Amino acid sequence: MILSASRRTDIPNYYMDWFLHRIREGYVDVRNPINPHQISRISLSPSVVDCIVFWTKNPENMLPHLGELAAYPYYVQFTLTSYGRDIEPNLPDKKDRLIPTFQALSSKIGKERVVWRYDPIFLNQRYTVSYHLAAFSEIARRLRGYTERVVISLIDLYAKTKRNTAGLFLSPPEGDTLFYMTGQMAQIAARCGNRLDIYCGNDDQITPSLSLGAKGVISVLANLLPHVVHDICQSYRDGNVQHSTSLQLQYLDLIGALFSDVNPIPVKQALRFMGVPVGPCRLPLCEMEQEKAEKLWKVMQKHGLCAASRTYFALPILNGKMVSA
């Protein structure tokens, strides 16, 4: 079992005491979001936990307690960007506290177990291309020798994101701007001396990112079509850029549909369309909107991905009823 702690909130920053208490007790109780009276007990015994993945912007509260995690394989996804308090008002100073925290964590558990995430990338009047490149270069310089990987990805402007950031006028880099930025970041990473691999965080940019020095992709599409994502990457590495590009273009419509809502909402719906009984999303996530689900359904039909039995384990979202024969 892989334990994700957590994509919903920053457990190392806000709930580390709670998490350690659950580790000591050896279990966690999970409430069914559909039936709140149904509670499942999940074992946290080291014998059943294969890996813990921590997601955080500030793991300071982890540092005094790393010994209590010694029985578990784990690593940390540490998001460290250049945004100011207009974007991240609750974080401590990055130069004076967060970068030293990154360095301290890496020194204690090993640089291979701390992944630097520079994401999401967006542009506005303040956060320009030159701003990002200067900041990325400075952070990369200070993290030299403290990590082996950096993940970069672009902002996904979901409807909720647009509402919450309306006054900030955010937009993702696109076209030539995106190509220039990722190319410059790859060069900066290459100049860091020690190995610093870049991983693309956007499925629609796999081949372009590989061409600029990225080592791979943190993929959503791979949940449905792992062989396709593998072939896009491997074809490029084998020198067959044309085939890699062809596969990339072939699935752009599906990638777009999979990013039409906050993940894992579209992925879970897509897997149900494929006949995989993955169950509902857990709160605070909800099911996919009908219009978006219908678009996803049509794109998947085009690619021949819908279950042959036409029973999809879907929740009642399409035309107000379960999608089935």
Protein backbone atom coordinates (compact mmCIF):
# COMPACT_ATOMS: atom_id res chain seq x y z
CA MET A 1 0.00 0.00 0.00
CA ILE A 2 1.24 3.47 -0.92
CA LEU A 3 0.15 6.09 1.61
CA SER A 4 -0.24 9.60 0.19
CA ALA A 5 0.00 12.25 2.92
CA SER A 6 -1.63 14.12 1.38
CA ARG A 7 -2.93 15.75 -1.81
CA ARG A 8 -5.86 17.24 0.12
CA THR A 9 -3.90 19.28 2.65
CA ASP A 10 -0.36 19.87 3.88
CA ILE A 11 -0.10 17.23 6.60
CA PRO A 12 3.60 17.81 7.42
CA ASN A 13 2.91 21.53 7.91
CA TYR A 14 -0.45 21.52 9.67
CA TYR A 15 -1.20 18.03 10.99
CA MET A 16 2.13 16.34 11.76
CA ASP A 17 1.19 15.67 15.40
CA TRP A 18 -2.02 13.97 14.29
CA PHE A 19 -0.17 11.91 11.69
CA LEU A 20 2.45 10.73 14.20
CA HIS A 21 -0.31 9.77 16.63
CA ARG A 22 -1.91 7.62 13.93
CA ILE A 23 1.48 6.02 13.20
CA ARG A 24 1.92 5.19 16.90
CA GLU A 25 -1.58 3.74 17.10
CA GLY A 26 -0.97 1.74 13.93
CA TYR A 27 -4.17 2.56 12.08
CA VAL A 28 -6.36 5.32 10.65
CA ASP A 29 -10.15 5.34 10.39
CA VAL A 30 -11.61 6.53 7.08
CA ARG A 31 -15.23 7.60 6.78
CA ASN A 32 -17.14 6.67 3.63
CA PRO A 33 -18.10 10.01 2.00
CA ILE A 34 -21.31 8.50 0.60
CA ASN A 35 -22.34 6.67 3.77
CA PRO A 36 -20.92 8.59 6.76
CA HIS A 37 -21.96 5.80 9.13
CA GLN A 38 -19.58 3.41 7.38
CA ILE A 39 -16.04 3.70 8.73
CA SER A 40 -13.14 1.59 7.50
CA ARG A 41 -10.05 0.94 9.58
CA ILE A 42 -6.82 1.03 7.55
CA SER A 43 -3.71 -0.53 9.02
CA LEU A 44 -0.58 1.64 9.09
CA SER A 45 1.68 -1.21 10.10
CA PRO A 46 5.11 -1.08 8.42
CA SER A 47 4.37 -4.57 7.14
CA VAL A 48 1.57 -3.30 4.87
CA VAL A 49 2.80 0.23 4.00
CA ASP A 50 5.15 -0.01 1.02
CA CYS A 51 5.86 3.72 0.88
CA ILE A 52 4.67 7.04 2.33
CA VAL A 53 4.65 10.04 -0.02
CA PHE A 54 4.59 13.38 1.80
CA TRP A 55 3.38 16.46 -0.10
CA THR A 56 4.30 19.75 1.52
CA LYS A 57 5.31 23.37 1.17
CA ASN A 58 6.85 23.48 4.64
CA PRO A 59 8.10 20.31 6.37
CA GLU A 60 9.66 22.10 9.35
CA ASN A 61 7.42 20.19 11.73
CA MET A 62 8.72 16.88 10.36
CA LEU A 63 12.35 17.50 11.21
CA PRO A 64 12.24 16.70 14.97
CA HIS A 65 10.27 13.48 14.36
CA LEU A 66 12.05 11.75 11.49
CA GLY A 67 13.16 8.97 13.83
CA GLU A 68 9.55 7.90 14.30
CA LEU A 69 9.31 7.27 10.57
CA ALA A 70 12.41 5.08 10.39
CA ALA A 71 10.39 1.88 9.96
CA TYR A 72 8.79 3.17 6.75
CA PRO A 73 10.13 3.80 3.26
CA TYR A 74 9.16 7.37 2.43
CA TYR A 75 10.07 10.41 0.41
CA VAL A 76 8.99 14.05 0.30
CA GLN A 77 7.54 16.11 -2.54
CA PHE A 78 8.61 19.62 -1.49
CA THR A 79 6.94 22.48 -3.39
CA LEU A 80 9.25 25.50 -3.41
CA THR A 81 8.45 28.35 -5.78
CA SER A 82 9.21 32.06 -6.11
CA TYR A 83 5.73 33.43 -5.39
CA GLY A 84 5.24 36.12 -2.78
CA ARG A 85 2.67 36.61 -0.07
CA ASP A 86 0.06 37.73 -2.58
CA ILE A 87 -0.04 34.07 -3.68
CA GLU A 88 1.20 32.16 -0.61
CA PRO A 89 0.44 34.38 2.39
CA ASN A 90 0.85 31.70 5.08
CA LEU A 91 4.36 30.50 4.29
CA PRO A 92 7.47 31.66 6.15
CA ASP A 93 10.25 33.47 4.34
CA LYS A 94 11.57 31.25 1.57
CA LYS A 95 15.15 32.48 1.44
CA ASP A 96 15.70 32.50 5.19
CA ARG A 97 13.59 29.53 6.31
CA LEU A 98 12.19 27.28 3.58
CA ILE A 99 15.37 26.81 1.56
CA PRO A 100 17.36 26.05 4.76
CA THR A 101 14.56 23.65 5.76
CA PHE A 102 14.91 21.89 2.39
CA GLN A 103 18.65 21.63 2.93
CA ALA A 104 18.25 20.32 6.48
CA LEU A 105 15.69 17.70 5.45
CA SER A 106 17.88 16.54 2.58
CA SER A 107 20.91 16.27 4.86
CA LYS A 108 18.97 14.08 7.27
CA ILE A 109 17.17 11.68 4.90
CA GLY A 110 19.22 11.92 1.68
CA LYS A 111 18.92 14.08 -1.42
CA GLU A 112 17.36 11.23 -3.41
CA ARG A 113 14.34 11.30 -1.07
CA VAL A 114 13.48 14.99 -1.44
CA VAL A 115 11.90 15.96 -4.77
CA TRP A 116 11.78 19.67 -5.56
CA ARG A 117 8.51 20.81 -7.18
CA TYR A 118 8.51 24.17 -8.94
CA ASP A 119 4.81 24.31 -9.67
CA PRO A 120 2.34 25.48 -10.69
CA ILE A 121 3.90 27.91 -13.13
CA PHE A 122 1.76 30.87 -14.19
CA LEU A 123 2.33 34.34 -15.55
CA ASN A 124 0.90 37.76 -14.77
CA GLN A 125 2.15 41.33 -14.59
CA ARG A 126 4.36 40.58 -11.58
CA TYR A 127 5.38 37.00 -12.26
CA THR A 128 6.90 37.34 -15.71
CA VAL A 129 9.08 34.93 -17.65
CA SER A 130 12.24 36.73 -16.57
CA TYR A 131 11.06 36.70 -12.94
CA HIS A 132 10.54 32.92 -13.02
CA LEU A 133 13.86 32.20 -14.69
CA ALA A 134 15.81 34.36 -12.24
CA ALA A 135 14.04 32.81 -9.25
CA PHE A 136 14.36 29.25 -10.58
CA SER A 137 18.07 29.83 -11.13
CA GLU A 138 18.59 31.14 -7.59
CA ILE A 139 16.64 28.31 -5.94
CA ALA A 140 18.43 25.71 -8.10
CA ARG A 141 21.78 27.22 -7.10
CA ARG A 142 20.97 26.97 -3.39
CA LEU A 143 19.57 23.43 -3.71
CA ARG A 144 22.64 22.17 -5.55
CA GLY A 145 23.65 18.93 -3.89
CA TYR A 146 20.41 18.69 -1.92
CA THR A 147 18.10 17.09 -4.51
CA GLU A 148 18.26 15.04 -7.68
CA ARG A 149 14.93 15.88 -9.27
CA VAL A 150 12.76 18.86 -9.98
CA VAL A 151 9.19 18.64 -11.28
CA ILE A 152 7.79 21.57 -13.22
CA SER A 153 4.19 21.90 -14.32
CA LEU A 154 1.77 24.61 -15.44
CA ILE A 155 -1.25 25.97 -13.66
CA ASP A 156 -4.57 24.33 -14.54
CA LEU A 157 -7.18 27.08 -14.55
CA TYR A 158 -10.19 25.12 -13.37
CA ALA A 159 -13.41 27.06 -12.78
CA LYS A 160 -12.79 27.21 -9.03
CA THR A 161 -9.22 28.36 -9.58
CA LYS A 162 -10.42 31.14 -11.87
CA ARG A 163 -12.94 32.31 -9.28
CA ASN A 164 -10.43 32.29 -6.43
CA THR A 165 -7.74 34.13 -8.41
CA ALA A 166 -9.89 36.49 -10.46
CA GLY A 167 -8.02 39.63 -9.41
CA LEU A 168 -4.57 38.17 -10.08
CA PHE A 169 -5.02 37.77 -13.86
CA LEU A 170 -3.14 34.48 -14.07
CA SER A 171 -2.37 32.59 -17.26
CA PRO A 172 -0.18 29.59 -18.09
CA PRO A 173 2.77 30.09 -20.44
CA GLU A 174 1.90 28.87 -23.92
CA GLY A 175 3.43 28.41 -27.37
CA ASP A 176 6.84 29.98 -27.94
CA THR A 177 6.86 31.39 -24.41
CA LEU A 178 6.44 27.93 -22.90
CA PHE A 179 9.09 26.48 -25.20
CA TYR A 180 11.53 29.22 -24.24
CA MET A 181 10.86 28.92 -20.50
CA THR A 182 11.24 25.15 -20.31
CA GLY A 183 14.35 25.29 -22.46
CA GLN A 184 15.94 27.86 -20.17
CA MET A 185 14.99 25.87 -17.08
CA ALA A 186 16.58 22.76 -18.57
CA GLN A 187 19.80 24.70 -19.16
CA ILE A 188 19.72 26.06 -15.62
CA ALA A 189 19.25 22.55 -14.24
CA ALA A 190 22.16 21.29 -16.37
CA ARG A 191 24.41 24.02 -14.94
CA CYS A 192 23.67 22.93 -11.37
CA GLY A 193 26.61 20.54 -11.46
CA ASN A 194 25.15 17.66 -9.50
CA ARG A 195 22.41 15.70 -11.20
CA LEU A 196 19.14 17.62 -11.31
CA ASP A 197 16.58 15.90 -13.49
CA ILE A 198 13.56 17.79 -14.81
CA TYR A 199 10.25 15.95 -15.02
CA CYS A 200 7.34 17.34 -17.00
CA GLY A 201 4.09 17.68 -15.06
CA ASN A 202 1.82 18.13 -18.09
CA ASP A 203 0.77 15.26 -20.36
CA ASP A 204 0.31 17.56 -23.35
CA GLN A 205 3.97 18.63 -23.16
CA ILE A 206 5.79 15.28 -22.92
CA THR A 207 7.62 15.26 -26.25
CA PRO A 208 8.49 19.00 -26.19
CA SER A 209 9.80 18.64 -22.64
CA LEU A 210 11.92 15.62 -23.57
CA SER A 211 13.39 17.62 -26.44
CA LEU A 212 14.52 20.24 -23.93
CA GLY A 213 16.20 17.78 -21.58
CA ALA A 214 13.40 16.48 -19.35
CA LYS A 215 13.86 12.90 -18.13
CA GLY A 216 10.20 11.91 -18.02
CA VAL A 217 6.69 12.89 -17.02
CA ILE A 218 4.51 12.79 -13.92
CA SER A 219 1.50 11.57 -15.84
CA VAL A 220 -2.28 11.56 -15.49
CA LEU A 221 -2.80 9.82 -18.84
CA ALA A 222 -0.69 6.89 -17.63
CA ASN A 223 -3.48 5.91 -15.22
CA LEU A 224 -5.48 4.93 -18.32
CA LEU A 225 -2.85 4.21 -20.96
CA PRO A 226 0.51 3.48 -19.32
CA HIS A 227 1.84 1.83 -22.47
CA VAL A 228 1.14 4.96 -24.53
CA VAL A 229 3.00 7.24 -22.12
CA HIS A 230 5.85 4.74 -22.02
CA ASP A 231 6.00 4.64 -25.82
CA ILE A 232 5.99 8.44 -26.13
CA CYS A 233 9.02 8.62 -23.86
CA GLN A 234 10.83 5.53 -25.12
CA SER A 235 10.34 6.40 -28.81
CA TYR A 236 11.94 9.77 -28.20
CA ARG A 237 14.87 8.19 -26.33
CA ASP A 238 15.31 5.67 -29.17
CA GLY A 239 15.60 8.51 -31.67
CA ASN A 240 12.15 8.01 -33.21
CA VAL A 241 11.00 11.56 -32.57
CA GLN A 242 8.35 11.34 -35.29
CA HIS A 243 6.59 8.43 -33.59
CA SER A 244 6.82 10.13 -30.17
CA THR A 245 5.33 13.30 -31.62
CA SER A 246 2.61 11.37 -33.44
CA LEU A 247 1.51 9.65 -30.22
CA GLN A 248 1.60 12.95 -28.36
CA LEU A 249 -0.69 14.58 -30.91
CA GLN A 250 -2.96 11.55 -31.18
CA TYR A 251 -4.03 11.77 -27.56
CA LEU A 252 -4.20 15.54 -27.04
CA ASP A 253 -8.01 15.50 -27.04
CA LEU A 254 -8.08 12.80 -24.36
CA ILE A 255 -5.47 14.64 -22.31
CA GLY A 256 -7.58 17.79 -22.53
CA ALA A 257 -10.65 15.92 -21.30
CA LEU A 258 -8.66 14.39 -18.43
CA PHE A 259 -7.62 17.89 -17.35
CA SER A 260 -11.08 19.43 -17.66
CA ASP A 261 -11.62 19.13 -13.92
CA VAL A 262 -9.58 18.73 -10.75
CA ASN A 263 -7.84 15.38 -10.64
CA PRO A 264 -8.45 12.65 -9.72
CA ILE A 265 -12.09 13.44 -10.59
CA PRO A 266 -11.75 12.90 -14.38
CA VAL A 267 -9.40 9.94 -14.00
CA LYS A 268 -11.77 8.06 -11.72
CA GLN A 269 -14.66 8.73 -14.08
CA ALA A 270 -12.58 7.60 -17.05
CA LEU A 271 -11.62 4.36 -15.31
CA ARG A 272 -15.28 3.68 -14.58
CA PHE A 273 -16.03 4.23 -18.27
CA MET A 274 -13.36 1.60 -18.98
CA GLY A 275 -15.13 -0.85 -16.67
CA VAL A 276 -12.83 -0.49 -13.67
CA PRO A 277 -14.86 -0.27 -10.42
CA VAL A 278 -12.75 2.41 -8.72
CA GLY A 279 -15.59 3.79 -6.62
CA PRO A 280 -16.57 7.41 -5.96
CA CYS A 281 -14.34 10.35 -5.13
CA ARG A 282 -13.86 11.08 -1.47
CA LEU A 283 -14.83 14.42 -0.02
CA PRO A 284 -14.06 17.24 -0.47
CA LEU A 285 -13.92 16.14 -4.11
CA CYS A 286 -17.20 15.65 -5.94
CA GLU A 287 -18.23 13.83 -9.08
CA MET A 288 -17.64 15.22 -12.56
CA GLU A 289 -20.09 17.73 -13.99
CA GLN A 290 -22.44 16.21 -16.56
CA GLU A 291 -21.21 18.34 -19.48
CA LYS A 292 -17.57 17.50 -18.80
CA ALA A 293 -18.33 13.82 -18.27
CA GLU A 294 -20.18 13.63 -21.57
CA LYS A 295 -17.21 15.20 -23.35
CA LEU A 296 -14.87 12.70 -21.70
CA TRP A 297 -17.21 9.85 -22.70
CA LYS A 298 -17.23 10.92 -26.37
CA VAL A 299 -13.45 11.30 -26.51
CA MET A 300 -12.93 7.89 -24.93
CA GLN A 301 -15.40 6.33 -27.36
CA LYS A 302 -13.38 7.82 -30.22
CA HIS A 303 -10.26 6.11 -28.90
CA GLY A 304 -12.07 2.81 -28.27
CA LEU A 305 -11.51 2.92 -24.53
CA CYS A 306 -15.03 2.38 -23.21
CA ALA A 307 -15.84 -1.04 -21.78
CA ALA A 308 -17.27 -3.47 -24.34
CA SER A 309 -20.01 -4.53 -21.92
CA ARG A 310 -21.27 -0.95 -21.72
CA THR A 311 -21.49 -1.23 -17.94
CA TYR A 312 -19.26 1.43 -16.54
CA PHE A 313 -19.67 1.51 -12.77
CA ALA A 314 -20.47 5.19 -13.25
CA LEU A 315 -22.31 7.33 -10.78
CA PRO A 316 -25.57 8.90 -11.99
CA ILE A 317 -24.16 11.86 -13.82
CA LEU A 318 -24.84 11.36 -17.51
CA ASN A 319 -28.37 12.41 -18.40
CA GLY A 320 -29.21 12.10 -14.74
CA LYS A 321 -28.77 8.32 -14.64
CA MET A 322 -26.17 5.62 -14.55
CA VAL A 323 -24.47 5.00 -17.88
CA SER A 324 -25.15 1.38 -18.80
CA ALA A 325 -26.66 -0.77 -21.51
